[in-house]
Amino acid sequence: MKLYMKRMCAYLIDLVIAVVLCNLFLFSYKVFLMDPEMASKANYMLLCALLTIFFLFIYLPTKQDGQTIGKALFHLRVVNINGKKRTWFQSFLRECVMKFSFIMFLVPLDILYTLIESVKARRLVLCVGHDMLLNTDVR
């Protein structure tokens, strides 16, 4: 249970960092749009927001052996179950698509997996659905 609390705190830290940085760029985007001469520069702010997401959730976890900033603070690491090195695409799927795009589906999925695995094992087994789908584990 302690691991899941650490994972939630790491996720919240990553989420806060991403939201603050992206909102900063989106605010700048809106400011640039107010001035007709600077409107062409506004698109650079959108590009910066996308690059921020890429850097925080794809580049860092791939280069830092599965650690985002939040995971590094809590000494957590995402590893492949089969022992292979994580790929860029796998980091993209796990950190961007699964965690941020489908958050409304992941919570019920996690509850469903936990119930199914607990019934199979006849004891409480906490499962995280996106880790099971992507064959990853957090240690």
C-alpha atoms as a PDB file:
ATOM      1  CA  MET A   1       0.000   0.000   0.000  1.00  0.00           C
ATOM      2  CA  LYS A   2       2.934   2.310   0.715  1.00  0.00           C
ATOM      3  CA  LEU A   3       4.118   1.930  -2.906  1.00  0.00           C
ATOM      4  CA  TYR A   4       0.742   3.072  -4.229  1.00  0.00           C
ATOM      5  CA  MET A   5       0.818   6.186  -2.036  1.00  0.00           C
ATOM      6  CA  LYS A   6       4.287   7.003  -3.345  1.00  0.00           C
ATOM      7  CA  ARG A   7       3.061   6.442  -6.900  1.00  0.00           C
ATOM      8  CA  MET A   8       0.088   8.751  -6.399  1.00  0.00           C
ATOM      9  CA  CYS A   9       2.291  11.481  -4.915  1.00  0.00           C
ATOM     10  CA  ALA A  10       4.787  11.139  -7.785  1.00  0.00           C
ATOM     11  CA  TYR A  11       1.910  11.324 -10.282  1.00  0.00           C
ATOM     12  CA  LEU A  12       0.543  14.454  -8.618  1.00  0.00           C
ATOM     13  CA  ILE A  13       3.965  16.130  -8.695  1.00  0.00           C
ATOM     14  CA  ASP A  14       4.336  15.305 -12.404  1.00  0.00           C
ATOM     15  CA  LEU A  15       0.822  16.557 -13.069  1.00  0.00           C
ATOM     16  CA  VAL A  16       1.383  19.849 -11.225  1.00  0.00           C
ATOM     17  CA  ILE A  17       4.666  20.493 -13.057  1.00  0.00           C
ATOM     18  CA  ALA A  18       3.063  19.784 -16.438  1.00  0.00           C
ATOM     19  CA  VAL A  19      -0.023  21.887 -15.727  1.00  0.00           C
ATOM     20  CA  VAL A  20       1.972  24.885 -14.480  1.00  0.00           C
ATOM     21  CA  LEU A  21       4.402  24.874 -17.411  1.00  0.00           C
ATOM     22  CA  CYS A  22       1.742  24.278 -20.060  1.00  0.00           C
ATOM     23  CA  ASN A  23      -0.526  26.961 -18.603  1.00  0.00           C
ATOM     24  CA  LEU A  24       2.392  29.394 -18.678  1.00  0.00           C
ATOM     25  CA  PHE A  25       2.866  28.735 -22.396  1.00  0.00           C
ATOM     26  CA  LEU A  26      -0.872  28.842 -23.087  1.00  0.00           C
ATOM     27  CA  PHE A  27      -1.149  32.170 -21.253  1.00  0.00           C
ATOM     28  CA  SER A  28       1.716  33.504 -23.378  1.00  0.00           C
ATOM     29  CA  TYR A  29      -0.078  32.196 -26.465  1.00  0.00           C
ATOM     30  CA  LYS A  30      -3.175  34.217 -25.598  1.00  0.00           C
ATOM     31  CA  VAL A  31      -1.110  37.341 -24.876  1.00  0.00           C
ATOM     32  CA  PHE A  32       0.650  37.078 -28.244  1.00  0.00           C
ATOM     33  CA  LEU A  33      -2.707  36.735 -29.994  1.00  0.00           C
ATOM     34  CA  MET A  34      -3.824  40.122 -28.618  1.00  0.00           C
ATOM     35  CA  ASP A  35      -1.248  41.994 -30.672  1.00  0.00           C
ATOM     36  CA  PRO A  36      -1.746  41.500 -34.431  1.00  0.00           C
ATOM     37  CA  GLU A  37       1.980  41.951 -35.099  1.00  0.00           C
ATOM     38  CA  MET A  38       2.861  39.203 -32.614  1.00  0.00           C
ATOM     39  CA  ALA A  39       0.098  36.765 -33.580  1.00  0.00           C
ATOM     40  CA  SER A  40       2.480  34.745 -35.706  1.00  0.00           C
ATOM     41  CA  LYS A  41       4.680  34.172 -32.633  1.00  0.00           C
ATOM     42  CA  ALA A  42       1.749  32.686 -30.706  1.00  0.00           C
ATOM     43  CA  ASN A  43       2.161  29.355 -32.449  1.00  0.00           C
ATOM     44  CA  TYR A  44       5.653  29.079 -30.983  1.00  0.00           C
ATOM     45  CA  MET A  45       4.099  29.064 -27.532  1.00  0.00           C
ATOM     46  CA  LEU A  46       1.905  26.104 -28.500  1.00  0.00           C
ATOM     47  CA  LEU A  47       4.988  24.359 -29.833  1.00  0.00           C
ATOM     48  CA  CYS A  48       6.772  25.048 -26.529  1.00  0.00           C
ATOM     49  CA  ALA A  49       3.856  23.498 -24.612  1.00  0.00           C
ATOM     50  CA  LEU A  50       4.083  20.348 -26.765  1.00  0.00           C
ATOM     51  CA  LEU A  51       7.857  20.203 -26.353  1.00  0.00           C
ATOM     52  CA  THR A  52       7.423  20.510 -22.597  1.00  0.00           C
ATOM     53  CA  ILE A  53       5.122  17.484 -22.565  1.00  0.00           C
ATOM     54  CA  PHE A  54       7.563  15.598 -24.805  1.00  0.00           C
ATOM     55  CA  PHE A  55      10.521  16.423 -22.565  1.00  0.00           C
ATOM     56  CA  LEU A  56       8.800  15.694 -19.237  1.00  0.00           C
ATOM     57  CA  PHE A  57       6.976  12.525 -20.165  1.00  0.00           C
ATOM     58  CA  ILE A  58       8.790  10.926 -23.085  1.00  0.00           C
ATOM     59  CA  TYR A  59      12.425  12.059 -23.136  1.00  0.00           C
ATOM     60  CA  LEU A  60      13.131  12.035 -19.381  1.00  0.00           C
ATOM     61  CA  PRO A  61      11.596   8.618 -18.617  1.00  0.00           C
ATOM     62  CA  THR A  62      13.397   7.050 -21.581  1.00  0.00           C
ATOM     63  CA  LYS A  63      16.798   8.547 -20.755  1.00  0.00           C
ATOM     64  CA  GLN A  64      16.524   8.304 -16.948  1.00  0.00           C
ATOM     65  CA  ASP A  65      15.635   4.601 -16.810  1.00  0.00           C
ATOM     66  CA  GLY A  66      11.918   5.087 -16.250  1.00  0.00           C
ATOM     67  CA  GLN A  67      11.962   8.088 -13.933  1.00  0.00           C
ATOM     68  CA  THR A  68       9.977  11.268 -14.325  1.00  0.00           C
ATOM     69  CA  ILE A  69      10.660  14.154 -11.944  1.00  0.00           C
ATOM     70  CA  GLY A  70       8.001  12.935  -9.502  1.00  0.00           C
ATOM     71  CA  LYS A  71       9.249   9.357  -9.608  1.00  0.00           C
ATOM     72  CA  ALA A  72      12.831  10.499  -9.052  1.00  0.00           C
ATOM     73  CA  LEU A  73      11.766  12.401  -5.909  1.00  0.00           C
ATOM     74  CA  PHE A  74      10.174   9.241  -4.515  1.00  0.00           C
ATOM     75  CA  HIS A  75      12.911   6.881  -5.770  1.00  0.00           C
ATOM     76  CA  LEU A  76      10.534   5.033  -8.095  1.00  0.00           C
ATOM     77  CA  ARG A  77      11.360   3.604 -11.497  1.00  0.00           C
ATOM     78  CA  VAL A  78       9.255   2.117 -14.283  1.00  0.00           C
ATOM     79  CA  VAL A  79      10.774  -1.038 -15.731  1.00  0.00           C
ATOM     80  CA  ASN A  80       9.702  -3.559 -18.329  1.00  0.00           C
ATOM     81  CA  ILE A  81       8.669  -6.901 -16.885  1.00  0.00           C
ATOM     82  CA  ASN A  82      10.718  -8.704 -19.539  1.00  0.00           C
ATOM     83  CA  GLY A  83      13.866  -6.755 -18.574  1.00  0.00           C
ATOM     84  CA  LYS A  84      14.292  -4.895 -21.874  1.00  0.00           C
ATOM     85  CA  LYS A  85      15.044  -1.176 -22.031  1.00  0.00           C
ATOM     86  CA  ARG A  86      12.010   1.097 -22.356  1.00  0.00           C
ATOM     87  CA  THR A  87      11.435   2.617 -25.781  1.00  0.00           C
ATOM     88  CA  TRP A  88      10.298   6.129 -26.696  1.00  0.00           C
ATOM     89  CA  PHE A  89       6.977   4.782 -27.921  1.00  0.00           C
ATOM     90  CA  GLN A  90       6.416   2.844 -24.714  1.00  0.00           C
ATOM     91  CA  SER A  91       7.111   5.986 -22.660  1.00  0.00           C
ATOM     92  CA  PHE A  92       4.680   7.906 -24.860  1.00  0.00           C
ATOM     93  CA  LEU A  93       1.956   5.288 -24.418  1.00  0.00           C
ATOM     94  CA  ARG A  94       2.395   4.986 -20.662  1.00  0.00           C
ATOM     95  CA  GLU A  95       3.035   8.572 -19.639  1.00  0.00           C
ATOM     96  CA  CYS A  96       0.979  10.544 -22.155  1.00  0.00           C
ATOM     97  CA  VAL A  97      -1.747   8.403 -23.647  1.00  0.00           C
ATOM     98  CA  MET A  98      -2.600   6.134 -20.733  1.00  0.00           C
ATOM     99  CA  LYS A  99      -2.071   8.427 -17.761  1.00  0.00           C
ATOM    100  CA  PHE A 100      -3.303  11.757 -19.068  1.00  0.00           C
ATOM    101  CA  SER A 101      -5.611  11.065 -21.986  1.00  0.00           C
ATOM    102  CA  PHE A 102      -7.521   8.150 -20.516  1.00  0.00           C
ATOM    103  CA  ILE A 103      -7.554   9.037 -16.813  1.00  0.00           C
ATOM    104  CA  MET A 104     -11.335   8.669 -16.735  1.00  0.00           C
ATOM    105  CA  PHE A 105     -10.984   5.077 -17.940  1.00  0.00           C
ATOM    106  CA  LEU A 106      -7.928   4.087 -15.905  1.00  0.00           C
ATOM    107  CA  VAL A 107      -9.470   4.444 -12.456  1.00  0.00           C
ATOM    108  CA  PRO A 108     -12.384   2.069 -13.214  1.00  0.00           C
ATOM    109  CA  LEU A 109      -9.964  -0.232 -15.070  1.00  0.00           C
ATOM    110  CA  ASP A 110      -7.659  -0.343 -12.032  1.00  0.00           C
ATOM    111  CA  ILE A 111     -10.602  -1.135  -9.747  1.00  0.00           C
ATOM    112  CA  LEU A 112     -11.774  -3.875 -12.112  1.00  0.00           C
ATOM    113  CA  TYR A 113      -8.290  -5.430 -12.362  1.00  0.00           C
ATOM    114  CA  THR A 114      -7.905  -5.277  -8.583  1.00  0.00           C
ATOM    115  CA  LEU A 115     -11.227  -7.065  -8.085  1.00  0.00           C
ATOM    116  CA  ILE A 116     -10.463  -9.748 -10.678  1.00  0.00           C
ATOM    117  CA  GLU A 117      -6.939 -10.442  -9.408  1.00  0.00           C
ATOM    118  CA  SER A 118      -8.098 -10.406  -5.775  1.00  0.00           C
ATOM    119  CA  VAL A 119     -10.805 -12.974  -6.521  1.00  0.00           C
ATOM    120  CA  LYS A 120      -8.294 -15.163  -8.395  1.00  0.00           C
ATOM    121  CA  ALA A 121      -5.740 -14.984  -5.574  1.00  0.00           C
ATOM    122  CA  ARG A 122      -8.369 -15.051  -2.788  1.00  0.00           C
ATOM    123  CA  ARG A 123      -6.645 -12.124  -1.097  1.00  0.00           C
ATOM    124  CA  LEU A 124      -6.386  -8.378  -1.762  1.00  0.00           C
ATOM    125  CA  VAL A 125      -4.093  -7.749  -4.720  1.00  0.00           C
ATOM    126  CA  LEU A 126      -3.720  -4.136  -5.841  1.00  0.00           C
ATOM    127  CA  CYS A 127      -3.306  -3.917  -9.615  1.00  0.00           C
ATOM    128  CA  VAL A 128      -2.642  -0.992 -11.895  1.00  0.00           C
ATOM    129  CA  GLY A 129      -4.305  -1.517 -15.270  1.00  0.00           C
ATOM    130  CA  HIS A 130      -1.974   0.452 -17.515  1.00  0.00           C
ATOM    131  CA  ASP A 131       1.041  -1.391 -16.095  1.00  0.00           C
ATOM    132  CA  MET A 132      -0.609  -4.715 -16.855  1.00  0.00           C
ATOM    133  CA  LEU A 133      -1.502  -3.638 -20.400  1.00  0.00           C
ATOM    134  CA  LEU A 134       2.007  -2.364 -21.167  1.00  0.00           C
ATOM    135  CA  ASN A 135       3.898  -5.103 -19.255  1.00  0.00           C
ATOM    136  CA  THR A 136       5.619  -2.596 -16.985  1.00  0.00           C
ATOM    137  CA  ASP A 137       6.188  -2.436 -13.257  1.00  0.00           C
ATOM    138  CA  VAL A 138       7.071   0.367 -10.849  1.00  0.00           C
ATOM    139  CA  ARG A 139       9.761  -0.386  -8.288  1.00  0.00           C
END
